[in-house]
């Protein structure tokens, strides 16, 4: 085992805070990971990790060595790719929102793997906030304006959004003809995982955005329940059009105020600042840009 592989093992242990999880990620025996760390610390003449039965934490030397290893390993990967002119290979762990992945990503995966046969994807389906480094995730695809300043964001697409409600709801409360008419209406609240507060309804009026908070009887944290509440006639919702295209086509949901639509939802790839843009993340990001452009979501 060369020193670069020892660095890779050390970096993964640091990020996962676990020898066992690092071994699983790297598809190595647990004993190999343990022995590699012992050799590395002996060669450096310094203790890099504090180990207990439940937790692995870095020493001061470990923190400093980790930062240098990340830069070195990324430079090596980029240099190999540039001079060998070979396609990236290896495992890429990505976090995705389920409906976005099912609608846009999954149908095009065969073409992705045909282009990059050496790549392997592990998709974590979740809307929750994640600690990318601690959970061993390389990047996430997220909608909305990024709030975490510790992450680098690369804009991929702008998803068209619409306002809508069910026919039963509109029969009860009336079809709003203007923003002012909404004072007689209710909304289904979607709670932000970042702030814990509901998103207001937003409308573009003469090039400016207006935000409105309406009364509600229910608040939710997931897109499936959000859509279900709209179908049940519980209030007005706003969401990306692709997500409810079928419901709009068959009349189970109806657009409201189409002349003052919500602003588009930005979709971005996020990855840690302490990582340069690796070849695997780069080709994944470029592929995402291609498929969303082909779908008209730019």
C-alpha atoms as a PDB file:
ATOM      1  CA  UNK A   1       0.000   0.000   0.000  1.00  0.00           C
ATOM      2  CA  UNK A   2       1.504   3.365  -1.017  1.00  0.00           C
ATOM      3  CA  UNK A   3       1.355   6.586   0.941  1.00  0.00           C
ATOM      4  CA  UNK A   4      -1.382   8.048  -1.272  1.00  0.00           C
ATOM      5  CA  UNK A   5      -3.731   5.193  -0.439  1.00  0.00           C
ATOM      6  CA  UNK A   6      -2.891   5.724   3.231  1.00  0.00           C
ATOM      7  CA  UNK A   7      -3.875   9.371   2.769  1.00  0.00           C
ATOM      8  CA  UNK A   8      -7.166   8.340   1.154  1.00  0.00           C
ATOM      9  CA  UNK A   9      -7.918   6.058   4.088  1.00  0.00           C
ATOM     10  CA  UNK A  10      -7.043   8.760   6.614  1.00  0.00           C
ATOM     11  CA  UNK A  11      -9.221  11.347   4.838  1.00  0.00           C
ATOM     12  CA  UNK A  12     -12.212   9.000   4.768  1.00  0.00           C
ATOM     13  CA  UNK A  13     -11.793   8.150   8.471  1.00  0.00           C
ATOM     14  CA  UNK A  14     -11.650  11.856   9.273  1.00  0.00           C
ATOM     15  CA  UNK A  15     -14.806  12.549   7.314  1.00  0.00           C
ATOM     16  CA  UNK A  16     -16.791   9.577   8.570  1.00  0.00           C
ATOM     17  CA  UNK A  17     -15.390   9.664  12.127  1.00  0.00           C
ATOM     18  CA  UNK A  18     -15.350   5.898  11.981  1.00  0.00           C
ATOM     19  CA  UNK A  19     -12.893   3.192  10.913  1.00  0.00           C
ATOM     20  CA  UNK A  20     -15.751   0.838  10.088  1.00  0.00           C
ATOM     21  CA  UNK A  21     -17.652   3.322   7.896  1.00  0.00           C
ATOM     22  CA  UNK A  22     -14.444   4.345   6.144  1.00  0.00           C
ATOM     23  CA  UNK A  23     -13.674   0.701   5.391  1.00  0.00           C
ATOM     24  CA  UNK A  24     -17.179   0.211   3.984  1.00  0.00           C
ATOM     25  CA  UNK A  25     -16.924   3.332   1.815  1.00  0.00           C
ATOM     26  CA  UNK A  26     -13.540   2.293   0.427  1.00  0.00           C
ATOM     27  CA  UNK A  27     -14.565  -1.367   0.121  1.00  0.00           C
ATOM     28  CA  UNK A  28     -11.586  -2.480   2.193  1.00  0.00           C
ATOM     29  CA  UNK A  29     -11.345  -4.894   5.121  1.00  0.00           C
ATOM     30  CA  UNK A  30     -11.557  -3.198   8.524  1.00  0.00           C
ATOM     31  CA  UNK A  31      -8.144  -4.616   9.435  1.00  0.00           C
ATOM     32  CA  UNK A  32      -6.562  -3.057   6.329  1.00  0.00           C
ATOM     33  CA  UNK A  33      -7.837   0.383   7.336  1.00  0.00           C
ATOM     34  CA  UNK A  34      -6.600  -0.042  10.906  1.00  0.00           C
ATOM     35  CA  UNK A  35      -3.143  -1.209   9.785  1.00  0.00           C
ATOM     36  CA  UNK A  36      -2.849   1.602   7.239  1.00  0.00           C
ATOM     37  CA  UNK A  37      -3.486   4.208   9.935  1.00  0.00           C
ATOM     38  CA  UNK A  38      -0.942   2.601  12.230  1.00  0.00           C
ATOM     39  CA  UNK A  39       1.705   2.700   9.476  1.00  0.00           C
ATOM     40  CA  UNK A  40       0.846   6.295   8.587  1.00  0.00           C
ATOM     41  CA  UNK A  41       1.143   7.545  12.154  1.00  0.00           C
ATOM     42  CA  UNK A  42       4.395   5.616  12.623  1.00  0.00           C
ATOM     43  CA  UNK A  43       5.857   7.029   9.411  1.00  0.00           C
ATOM     44  CA  UNK A  44       4.887  10.602  10.353  1.00  0.00           C
ATOM     45  CA  UNK A  45       5.934  10.166  13.971  1.00  0.00           C
ATOM     46  CA  UNK A  46       2.727  11.824  15.123  1.00  0.00           C
ATOM     47  CA  UNK A  47      -0.667  10.747  16.421  1.00  0.00           C
ATOM     48  CA  UNK A  48      -3.385  11.900  14.015  1.00  0.00           C
ATOM     49  CA  UNK A  49      -6.515  10.413  15.579  1.00  0.00           C
ATOM     50  CA  UNK A  50      -7.881   9.915  19.064  1.00  0.00           C
ATOM     51  CA  UNK A  51      -9.830   6.659  19.283  1.00  0.00           C
ATOM     52  CA  UNK A  52     -12.466   5.593  21.778  1.00  0.00           C
ATOM     53  CA  UNK A  53     -14.944   2.719  21.603  1.00  0.00           C
ATOM     54  CA  UNK A  54     -17.590   5.040  20.148  1.00  0.00           C
ATOM     55  CA  UNK A  55     -15.837   8.005  18.596  1.00  0.00           C
ATOM     56  CA  UNK A  56     -12.865   8.924  16.418  1.00  0.00           C
ATOM     57  CA  UNK A  57     -11.674  12.533  16.668  1.00  0.00           C
ATOM     58  CA  UNK A  58      -8.674  14.297  15.124  1.00  0.00           C
ATOM     59  CA  UNK A  59      -5.713  15.643  17.031  1.00  0.00           C
ATOM     60  CA  UNK A  60      -4.365  19.085  16.154  1.00  0.00           C
ATOM     61  CA  UNK A  61      -1.825  17.385  13.904  1.00  0.00           C
ATOM     62  CA  UNK A  62      -4.647  15.341  12.377  1.00  0.00           C
ATOM     63  CA  UNK A  63      -6.633  18.461  11.471  1.00  0.00           C
ATOM     64  CA  UNK A  64      -3.602  20.061   9.829  1.00  0.00           C
ATOM     65  CA  UNK A  65      -2.639  16.883   7.954  1.00  0.00           C
ATOM     66  CA  UNK A  66      -6.224  16.366   6.756  1.00  0.00           C
ATOM     67  CA  UNK A  67      -6.365  19.778   5.047  1.00  0.00           C
ATOM     68  CA  UNK A  68      -3.132  19.072   3.179  1.00  0.00           C
ATOM     69  CA  UNK A  69      -4.209  15.553   2.207  1.00  0.00           C
ATOM     70  CA  UNK A  70      -7.484  16.792   0.702  1.00  0.00           C
ATOM     71  CA  UNK A  71      -5.618  19.291  -1.494  1.00  0.00           C
ATOM     72  CA  UNK A  72      -2.984  16.752  -2.522  1.00  0.00           C
ATOM     73  CA  UNK A  73      -5.406  13.967  -3.392  1.00  0.00           C
ATOM     74  CA  UNK A  74      -7.618  16.263  -5.434  1.00  0.00           C
ATOM     75  CA  UNK A  75      -4.593  17.620  -7.333  1.00  0.00           C
ATOM     76  CA  UNK A  76      -3.414  14.074  -8.052  1.00  0.00           C
ATOM     77  CA  UNK A  77      -6.829  13.030  -9.352  1.00  0.00           C
ATOM     78  CA  UNK A  78      -7.061  16.106 -11.574  1.00  0.00           C
ATOM     79  CA  UNK A  79      -3.504  15.646 -12.873  1.00  0.00           C
ATOM     80  CA  UNK A  80      -4.067  11.989 -13.713  1.00  0.00           C
ATOM     81  CA  UNK A  81      -7.243  12.853 -15.586  1.00  0.00           C
ATOM     82  CA  UNK A  82      -5.627  15.688 -17.519  1.00  0.00           C
ATOM     83  CA  UNK A  83      -2.575  13.768 -18.715  1.00  0.00           C
ATOM     84  CA  UNK A  84      -4.168  10.387 -19.258  1.00  0.00           C
ATOM     85  CA  UNK A  85      -7.204  11.930 -20.909  1.00  0.00           C
ATOM     86  CA  UNK A  86      -9.306   9.235 -19.283  1.00  0.00           C
ATOM     87  CA  UNK A  87     -12.867   9.408 -18.033  1.00  0.00           C
ATOM     88  CA  UNK A  88     -13.342   9.716 -14.251  1.00  0.00           C
ATOM     89  CA  UNK A  89     -14.034   6.534 -12.359  1.00  0.00           C
ATOM     90  CA  UNK A  90     -14.955   5.484  -8.872  1.00  0.00           C
ATOM     91  CA  UNK A  91     -17.777   6.054  -6.410  1.00  0.00           C
ATOM     92  CA  UNK A  92     -19.650   9.371  -6.171  1.00  0.00           C
ATOM     93  CA  UNK A  93     -22.063   9.805  -3.276  1.00  0.00           C
ATOM     94  CA  UNK A  94     -24.777  12.363  -4.026  1.00  0.00           C
ATOM     95  CA  UNK A  95     -27.777  13.623  -2.105  1.00  0.00           C
ATOM     96  CA  UNK A  96     -30.905  14.200  -4.194  1.00  0.00           C
ATOM     97  CA  UNK A  97     -34.540  15.150  -3.658  1.00  0.00           C
ATOM     98  CA  UNK A  98     -36.673  12.148  -4.555  1.00  0.00           C
ATOM     99  CA  UNK A  99     -39.110  13.659  -7.053  1.00  0.00           C
ATOM    100  CA  UNK A 100     -36.356  15.566  -8.882  1.00  0.00           C
ATOM    101  CA  UNK A 101     -34.282  12.400  -9.147  1.00  0.00           C
ATOM    102  CA  UNK A 102     -37.193  10.249 -10.337  1.00  0.00           C
ATOM    103  CA  UNK A 103     -38.388  12.771 -12.941  1.00  0.00           C
ATOM    104  CA  UNK A 104     -35.112  14.071 -14.381  1.00  0.00           C
ATOM    105  CA  UNK A 105     -32.128  11.977 -13.297  1.00  0.00           C
ATOM    106  CA  UNK A 106     -33.113   8.315 -13.230  1.00  0.00           C
ATOM    107  CA  UNK A 107     -34.453   8.099 -16.816  1.00  0.00           C
ATOM    108  CA  UNK A 108     -31.117   9.381 -18.151  1.00  0.00           C
ATOM    109  CA  UNK A 109     -28.823   7.248 -15.969  1.00  0.00           C
ATOM    110  CA  UNK A 110     -28.226   4.606 -18.681  1.00  0.00           C
ATOM    111  CA  UNK A 111     -26.765   7.312 -20.921  1.00  0.00           C
ATOM    112  CA  UNK A 112     -24.628   8.610 -18.036  1.00  0.00           C
ATOM    113  CA  UNK A 113     -23.145   5.180 -17.316  1.00  0.00           C
ATOM    114  CA  UNK A 114     -22.578   4.578 -21.028  1.00  0.00           C
ATOM    115  CA  UNK A 115     -20.513   7.773 -21.120  1.00  0.00           C
ATOM    116  CA  UNK A 116     -18.706   7.086 -17.824  1.00  0.00           C
ATOM    117  CA  UNK A 117     -18.593   3.284 -17.421  1.00  0.00           C
ATOM    118  CA  UNK A 118     -16.079   3.516 -14.592  1.00  0.00           C
ATOM    119  CA  UNK A 119     -18.367   5.659 -12.443  1.00  0.00           C
ATOM    120  CA  UNK A 120     -20.601   4.384  -9.650  1.00  0.00           C
ATOM    121  CA  UNK A 121     -23.332   6.504  -8.053  1.00  0.00           C
ATOM    122  CA  UNK A 122     -24.736   6.201  -4.555  1.00  0.00           C
ATOM    123  CA  UNK A 123     -27.890   8.361  -4.299  1.00  0.00           C
ATOM    124  CA  UNK A 124     -29.137   9.429  -0.885  1.00  0.00           C
ATOM    125  CA  UNK A 125     -32.805  10.425  -1.292  1.00  0.00           C
ATOM    126  CA  UNK A 126     -33.597  13.142   1.206  1.00  0.00           C
ATOM    127  CA  UNK A 127     -34.767  16.749   1.607  1.00  0.00           C
ATOM    128  CA  UNK A 128     -33.111  17.145   4.994  1.00  0.00           C
ATOM    129  CA  UNK A 129     -30.063  19.221   5.741  1.00  0.00           C
ATOM    130  CA  UNK A 130     -26.975  17.032   5.779  1.00  0.00           C
ATOM    131  CA  UNK A 131     -23.393  17.382   6.955  1.00  0.00           C
ATOM    132  CA  UNK A 132     -21.723  16.381   3.711  1.00  0.00           C
ATOM    133  CA  UNK A 133     -18.290  15.720   5.170  1.00  0.00           C
ATOM    134  CA  UNK A 134     -19.465  13.870   8.288  1.00  0.00           C
ATOM    135  CA  UNK A 135     -21.942  11.704   6.351  1.00  0.00           C
ATOM    136  CA  UNK A 136     -19.527  10.904   3.542  1.00  0.00           C
ATOM    137  CA  UNK A 137     -21.581  12.607   0.809  1.00  0.00           C
ATOM    138  CA  UNK A 138     -19.612  14.255  -1.993  1.00  0.00           C
ATOM    139  CA  UNK A 139     -22.292  16.669  -3.195  1.00  0.00           C
ATOM    140  CA  UNK A 140     -26.035  17.349  -3.022  1.00  0.00           C
ATOM    141  CA  UNK A 141     -28.568  18.600  -5.546  1.00  0.00           C
ATOM    142  CA  UNK A 142     -30.902  21.044  -3.815  1.00  0.00           C
ATOM    143  CA  UNK A 143     -33.654  23.449  -4.772  1.00  0.00           C
ATOM    144  CA  UNK A 144     -33.923  26.996  -3.419  1.00  0.00           C
ATOM    145  CA  UNK A 145     -31.348  29.624  -2.563  1.00  0.00           C
ATOM    146  CA  UNK A 146     -28.364  28.030  -0.753  1.00  0.00           C
ATOM    147  CA  UNK A 147     -28.032  29.246   2.841  1.00  0.00           C
ATOM    148  CA  UNK A 148     -24.939  27.323   3.994  1.00  0.00           C
ATOM    149  CA  UNK A 149     -21.897  29.534   3.428  1.00  0.00           C
ATOM    150  CA  UNK A 150     -19.576  26.582   4.086  1.00  0.00           C
ATOM    151  CA  UNK A 151     -20.650  25.021   0.775  1.00  0.00           C
ATOM    152  CA  UNK A 152     -19.862  26.003  -2.805  1.00  0.00           C
ATOM    153  CA  UNK A 153     -22.999  26.233  -4.959  1.00  0.00           C
ATOM    154  CA  UNK A 154     -23.097  25.740  -8.734  1.00  0.00           C
ATOM    155  CA  UNK A 155     -26.400  26.701 -10.360  1.00  0.00           C
ATOM    156  CA  UNK A 156     -27.759  23.894 -12.541  1.00  0.00           C
ATOM    157  CA  UNK A 157     -31.243  24.960 -13.544  1.00  0.00           C
ATOM    158  CA  UNK A 158     -34.216  27.201 -12.815  1.00  0.00           C
ATOM    159  CA  UNK A 159     -37.379  25.175 -12.299  1.00  0.00           C
ATOM    160  CA  UNK A 160     -40.659  26.732 -13.458  1.00  0.00           C
ATOM    161  CA  UNK A 161     -43.097  27.084 -10.554  1.00  0.00           C
ATOM    162  CA  UNK A 162     -46.866  27.478 -10.514  1.00  0.00           C
ATOM    163  CA  UNK A 163     -49.675  28.335  -8.098  1.00  0.00           C
ATOM    164  CA  UNK A 164     -52.584  25.930  -8.018  1.00  0.00           C
ATOM    165  CA  UNK A 165     -55.494  24.491  -6.072  1.00  0.00           C
ATOM    166  CA  UNK A 166     -58.074  21.739  -6.496  1.00  0.00           C
ATOM    167  CA  UNK A 167     -61.434  22.314  -8.250  1.00  0.00           C
ATOM    168  CA  UNK A 168     -63.230  21.532  -4.980  1.00  0.00           C
ATOM    169  CA  UNK A 169     -61.243  24.202  -3.147  1.00  0.00           C
ATOM    170  CA  UNK A 170     -61.881  26.784  -5.879  1.00  0.00           C
ATOM    171  CA  UNK A 171     -65.592  25.951  -5.909  1.00  0.00           C
ATOM    172  CA  UNK A 172     -65.695  26.746  -2.192  1.00  0.00           C
ATOM    173  CA  UNK A 173     -63.465  29.834  -2.034  1.00  0.00           C
ATOM    174  CA  UNK A 174     -63.689  31.165  -5.584  1.00  0.00           C
ATOM    175  CA  UNK A 175     -61.162  31.628  -8.375  1.00  0.00           C
ATOM    176  CA  UNK A 176     -58.838  34.517  -7.400  1.00  0.00           C
ATOM    177  CA  UNK A 177     -58.479  37.132 -10.142  1.00  0.00           C
ATOM    178  CA  UNK A 178     -55.795  39.234  -8.460  1.00  0.00           C
ATOM    179  CA  UNK A 179     -53.324  39.158  -5.582  1.00  0.00           C
ATOM    180  CA  UNK A 180     -55.825  41.155  -3.520  1.00  0.00           C
ATOM    181  CA  UNK A 181     -58.414  38.387  -3.871  1.00  0.00           C
ATOM    182  CA  UNK A 182     -56.161  36.044  -1.906  1.00  0.00           C
ATOM    183  CA  UNK A 183     -57.224  37.649   1.382  1.00  0.00           C
ATOM    184  CA  UNK A 184     -60.261  35.339   1.265  1.00  0.00           C
ATOM    185  CA  UNK A 185     -58.156  32.213   0.717  1.00  0.00           C
ATOM    186  CA  UNK A 186     -56.103  29.627   2.593  1.00  0.00           C
ATOM    187  CA  UNK A 187     -52.761  28.003   1.864  1.00  0.00           C
ATOM    188  CA  UNK A 188     -51.064  24.714   2.650  1.00  0.00           C
ATOM    189  CA  UNK A 189     -47.888  25.676   4.477  1.00  0.00           C
ATOM    190  CA  UNK A 190     -44.597  24.064   3.458  1.00  0.00           C
ATOM    191  CA  UNK A 191     -42.076  24.230   6.311  1.00  0.00           C
ATOM    192  CA  UNK A 192     -38.446  25.081   5.551  1.00  0.00           C
ATOM    193  CA  UNK A 193     -36.021  22.449   6.847  1.00  0.00           C
ATOM    194  CA  UNK A 194     -33.457  25.219   7.325  1.00  0.00           C
ATOM    195  CA  UNK A 195     -35.493  27.732   9.341  1.00  0.00           C
ATOM    196  CA  UNK A 196     -38.415  25.667  10.621  1.00  0.00           C
ATOM    197  CA  UNK A 197     -40.737  28.371   9.340  1.00  0.00           C
ATOM    198  CA  UNK A 198     -43.311  28.175   6.520  1.00  0.00           C
ATOM    199  CA  UNK A 199     -42.447  29.469   3.082  1.00  0.00           C
ATOM    200  CA  UNK A 200     -44.720  32.380   2.071  1.00  0.00           C
ATOM    201  CA  UNK A 201     -46.548  32.357  -1.243  1.00  0.00           C
ATOM    202  CA  UNK A 202     -44.589  34.398  -3.791  1.00  0.00           C
ATOM    203  CA  UNK A 203     -45.815  36.145  -6.930  1.00  0.00           C
ATOM    204  CA  UNK A 204     -44.019  38.119  -9.636  1.00  0.00           C
ATOM    205  CA  UNK A 205     -45.957  41.346 -10.241  1.00  0.00           C
ATOM    206  CA  UNK A 206     -44.555  43.813 -12.812  1.00  0.00           C
ATOM    207  CA  UNK A 207     -41.080  42.346 -12.398  1.00  0.00           C
ATOM    208  CA  UNK A 208     -41.146  42.516  -8.619  1.00  0.00           C
ATOM    209  CA  UNK A 209     -41.772  39.733  -6.141  1.00  0.00           C
ATOM    210  CA  UNK A 210     -44.601  39.980  -3.627  1.00  0.00           C
ATOM    211  CA  UNK A 211     -44.766  37.638  -0.658  1.00  0.00           C
ATOM    212  CA  UNK A 212     -48.027  36.751   1.055  1.00  0.00           C
ATOM    213  CA  UNK A 213     -48.693  34.659   4.154  1.00  0.00           C
ATOM    214  CA  UNK A 214     -52.190  33.186   4.161  1.00  0.00           C
ATOM    215  CA  UNK A 215     -54.120  31.471   6.949  1.00  0.00           C
ATOM    216  CA  UNK A 216     -53.705  27.701   7.014  1.00  0.00           C
ATOM    217  CA  UNK A 217     -55.123  24.615   8.637  1.00  0.00           C
ATOM    218  CA  UNK A 218     -52.128  22.361   7.927  1.00  0.00           C
ATOM    219  CA  UNK A 219     -48.349  22.577   7.629  1.00  0.00           C
ATOM    220  CA  UNK A 220     -46.159  19.904   6.030  1.00  0.00           C
ATOM    221  CA  UNK A 221     -42.486  19.113   5.435  1.00  0.00           C
ATOM    222  CA  UNK A 222     -42.643  16.777   2.409  1.00  0.00           C
ATOM    223  CA  UNK A 223     -43.572  17.263  -1.232  1.00  0.00           C
ATOM    224  CA  UNK A 224     -45.809  14.187  -1.458  1.00  0.00           C
ATOM    225  CA  UNK A 225     -47.940  15.288   1.493  1.00  0.00           C
ATOM    226  CA  UNK A 226     -47.918  18.862   0.168  1.00  0.00           C
ATOM    227  CA  UNK A 227     -49.347  17.683  -3.147  1.00  0.00           C
ATOM    228  CA  UNK A 228     -51.822  15.415  -1.363  1.00  0.00           C
ATOM    229  CA  UNK A 229     -53.133  18.304   0.704  1.00  0.00           C
ATOM    230  CA  UNK A 230     -53.689  20.356  -2.460  1.00  0.00           C
ATOM    231  CA  UNK A 231     -55.579  17.470  -4.078  1.00  0.00           C
ATOM    232  CA  UNK A 232     -57.702  17.143  -0.936  1.00  0.00           C
ATOM    233  CA  UNK A 233     -58.802  20.779  -1.263  1.00  0.00           C
ATOM    234  CA  UNK A 234     -57.013  22.068   1.827  1.00  0.00           C
ATOM    235  CA  UNK A 235     -55.568  25.193   0.229  1.00  0.00           C
ATOM    236  CA  UNK A 236     -53.393  26.880  -2.370  1.00  0.00           C
ATOM    237  CA  UNK A 237     -49.912  25.501  -3.028  1.00  0.00           C
ATOM    238  CA  UNK A 238     -46.892  26.589  -5.041  1.00  0.00           C
ATOM    239  CA  UNK A 239     -44.422  24.066  -6.457  1.00  0.00           C
ATOM    240  CA  UNK A 240     -42.377  23.222  -9.537  1.00  0.00           C
ATOM    241  CA  UNK A 241     -44.660  22.534 -12.485  1.00  0.00           C
ATOM    242  CA  UNK A 242     -43.009  19.235 -13.439  1.00  0.00           C
ATOM    243  CA  UNK A 243     -44.075  17.768 -10.101  1.00  0.00           C
ATOM    244  CA  UNK A 244     -47.812  18.194 -10.773  1.00  0.00           C
ATOM    245  CA  UNK A 245     -47.935  18.221 -14.580  1.00  0.00           C
ATOM    246  CA  UNK A 246     -50.134  15.117 -14.690  1.00  0.00           C
ATOM    247  CA  UNK A 247     -52.548  16.521 -12.091  1.00  0.00           C
ATOM    248  CA  UNK A 248     -52.847  19.732 -14.102  1.00  0.00           C
ATOM    249  CA  UNK A 249     -53.464  17.815 -17.322  1.00  0.00           C
ATOM    250  CA  UNK A 250     -56.222  15.651 -15.899  1.00  0.00           C
ATOM    251  CA  UNK A 251     -57.880  18.537 -14.049  1.00  0.00           C
ATOM    252  CA  UNK A 252     -57.295  17.381 -10.485  1.00  0.00           C
ATOM    253  CA  UNK A 253     -55.438  20.654  -9.903  1.00  0.00           C
ATOM    254  CA  UNK A 254     -55.981  24.002 -11.606  1.00  0.00           C
ATOM    255  CA  UNK A 255     -53.626  26.931 -12.117  1.00  0.00           C
ATOM    256  CA  UNK A 256     -54.444  30.188 -10.371  1.00  0.00           C
ATOM    257  CA  UNK A 257     -53.097  33.656 -11.142  1.00  0.00           C
ATOM    258  CA  UNK A 258     -51.046  32.447 -14.146  1.00  0.00           C
ATOM    259  CA  UNK A 259     -50.171  36.049 -15.098  1.00  0.00           C
ATOM    260  CA  UNK A 260     -48.359  36.545 -11.776  1.00  0.00           C
ATOM    261  CA  UNK A 261     -46.488  33.247 -11.338  1.00  0.00           C
ATOM    262  CA  UNK A 262     -44.051  32.423  -8.551  1.00  0.00           C
ATOM    263  CA  UNK A 263     -40.386  33.069  -9.323  1.00  0.00           C
ATOM    264  CA  UNK A 264     -38.428  30.093 -10.629  1.00  0.00           C
ATOM    265  CA  UNK A 265     -36.786  27.760  -8.145  1.00  0.00           C
ATOM    266  CA  UNK A 266     -32.993  27.641  -8.512  1.00  0.00           C
ATOM    267  CA  UNK A 267     -31.486  24.162  -8.503  1.00  0.00           C
ATOM    268  CA  UNK A 268     -27.846  23.883  -7.454  1.00  0.00           C
ATOM    269  CA  UNK A 269     -25.114  21.337  -6.834  1.00  0.00           C
ATOM    270  CA  UNK A 270     -23.475  21.964  -3.443  1.00  0.00           C
ATOM    271  CA  UNK A 271     -20.149  20.614  -2.237  1.00  0.00           C
ATOM    272  CA  UNK A 272     -17.740  21.509   0.618  1.00  0.00           C
ATOM    273  CA  UNK A 273     -15.430  24.497   0.277  1.00  0.00           C
ATOM    274  CA  UNK A 274     -12.448  22.479   1.443  1.00  0.00           C
ATOM    275  CA  UNK A 275     -12.708  20.349  -1.672  1.00  0.00           C
ATOM    276  CA  UNK A 276     -11.635  21.397  -5.119  1.00  0.00           C
ATOM    277  CA  UNK A 277     -14.034  20.421  -7.882  1.00  0.00           C
ATOM    278  CA  UNK A 278     -13.096  16.759  -8.357  1.00  0.00           C
ATOM    279  CA  UNK A 279     -13.377  15.146 -11.768  1.00  0.00           C
ATOM    280  CA  UNK A 280     -16.300  12.999 -10.597  1.00  0.00           C
ATOM    281  CA  UNK A 281     -18.287  15.978  -9.279  1.00  0.00           C
ATOM    282  CA  UNK A 282     -17.410  17.985 -12.396  1.00  0.00           C
ATOM    283  CA  UNK A 283     -18.739  15.430 -14.887  1.00  0.00           C
ATOM    284  CA  UNK A 284     -21.824  14.827 -12.729  1.00  0.00           C
ATOM    285  CA  UNK A 285     -22.507  18.575 -12.652  1.00  0.00           C
ATOM    286  CA  UNK A 286     -22.028  18.902 -16.416  1.00  0.00           C
ATOM    287  CA  UNK A 287     -24.392  15.985 -16.987  1.00  0.00           C
ATOM    288  CA  UNK A 288     -27.041  17.604 -14.778  1.00  0.00           C
ATOM    289  CA  UNK A 289     -26.738  20.843 -16.736  1.00  0.00           C
ATOM    290  CA  UNK A 290     -27.276  18.907 -19.970  1.00  0.00           C
ATOM    291  CA  UNK A 291     -30.399  17.071 -18.863  1.00  0.00           C
ATOM    292  CA  UNK A 292     -32.091  20.126 -17.332  1.00  0.00           C
ATOM    293  CA  UNK A 293     -31.296  22.188 -20.429  1.00  0.00           C
ATOM    294  CA  UNK A 294     -32.812  19.441 -22.588  1.00  0.00           C
ATOM    295  CA  UNK A 295     -35.908  19.543 -20.360  1.00  0.00           C
ATOM    296  CA  UNK A 296     -36.231  23.322 -20.821  1.00  0.00           C
ATOM    297  CA  UNK A 297     -35.521  24.040 -17.137  1.00  0.00           C
ATOM    298  CA  UNK A 298     -32.933  26.801 -17.504  1.00  0.00           C
END
